[in-house]
Amino acid sequence: MNQRSSQTEGTFGDIKRNLGYDRLRRRGESGVKLEIYLVAIGQNIRKYHRLKMNREKKAEEIHSAVN
């Protein structure tokens, strides 16, 4: 039996704990899918923003060390 990846479980755990998102508010398959897609888009935007800010911070540190 293969082991499951914990990578996706970490993402769902982050959404549930850090965002306080513990319950779906829509009914029906299409509503639930839409809600999950929106939450996933928000999570990806947060991840992208965090990555971009870290890169800018490192670039500033390198620039200030050179000058």
Protein backbone atom coordinates (compact mmCIF):
# COMPACT_ATOMS: atom_id res chain seq x y z
CA MET A 1 0.00 0.00 0.00
CA ASN A 2 1.33 3.43 -0.96
CA GLN A 3 1.74 6.18 1.58
CA ARG A 4 -0.37 9.27 1.08
CA SER A 5 1.34 12.57 0.52
CA SER A 6 0.98 14.92 3.46
CA GLN A 7 1.52 17.95 1.23
CA THR A 8 -2.16 18.47 0.39
CA GLU A 9 -3.21 17.71 3.95
CA GLY A 10 -0.97 20.55 5.07
CA THR A 11 -2.74 22.94 2.72
CA PHE A 12 -6.18 21.93 3.97
CA GLY A 13 -4.93 22.17 7.56
CA ASP A 14 -3.61 25.67 6.87
CA ILE A 15 -6.94 26.74 5.36
CA LYS A 16 -8.89 25.31 8.28
CA ARG A 17 -6.70 26.56 11.11
CA ASN A 18 -5.16 29.83 9.91
CA LEU A 19 -8.12 31.09 7.91
CA GLY A 20 -10.75 29.70 10.25
CA TYR A 21 -12.46 27.98 7.34
CA ASP A 22 -14.05 24.87 8.76
CA ARG A 23 -17.41 24.51 7.01
CA LEU A 24 -18.80 24.79 3.50
CA ARG A 25 -21.55 27.37 3.28
CA ARG A 26 -23.10 26.36 -0.04
CA ARG A 27 -25.32 23.45 -0.93
CA GLY A 28 -25.27 21.28 -3.99
CA GLU A 29 -22.35 19.96 -5.97
CA SER A 30 -21.88 23.05 -8.15
CA GLY A 31 -22.03 25.42 -5.17
CA VAL A 32 -19.54 23.37 -3.17
CA LYS A 33 -17.16 23.16 -6.15
CA LEU A 34 -17.37 26.93 -6.64
CA GLU A 35 -16.67 27.58 -2.97
CA ILE A 36 -13.68 25.23 -2.91
CA TYR A 37 -12.29 26.81 -6.09
CA LEU A 38 -12.58 30.29 -4.56
CA VAL A 39 -10.84 29.19 -1.37
CA ALA A 40 -8.09 27.53 -3.44
CA ILE A 41 -7.61 30.70 -5.51
CA GLY A 42 -7.31 32.73 -2.32
CA GLN A 43 -4.77 30.27 -0.92
CA ASN A 44 -2.70 30.44 -4.13
CA ILE A 45 -2.75 34.25 -4.09
CA ARG A 46 -1.55 34.25 -0.46
CA LYS A 47 1.22 31.81 -1.35
CA TYR A 48 2.29 33.86 -4.39
CA HIS A 49 2.30 37.09 -2.38
CA ARG A 50 4.41 35.54 0.39
CA LEU A 51 6.92 34.22 -2.18
CA LYS A 52 7.13 37.57 -3.94
CA MET A 53 7.69 39.48 -0.68
CA ASN A 54 10.46 37.05 0.35
CA ARG A 55 12.20 37.50 -3.01
CA GLU A 56 12.00 41.30 -2.77
CA LYS A 57 13.38 41.22 0.77
CA LYS A 58 16.34 39.06 -0.31
CA ALA A 59 17.01 41.34 -3.29
CA GLU A 60 17.03 44.38 -0.99
CA GLU A 61 19.45 42.65 1.38
CA ILE A 62 21.80 41.79 -1.47
CA HIS A 63 21.58 45.32 -2.87
CA SER A 64 22.32 46.93 0.51
CA ALA A 65 25.25 44.54 1.11
CA VAL A 66 26.80 45.49 -2.25
CA ASN A 67 26.51 49.24 -1.66
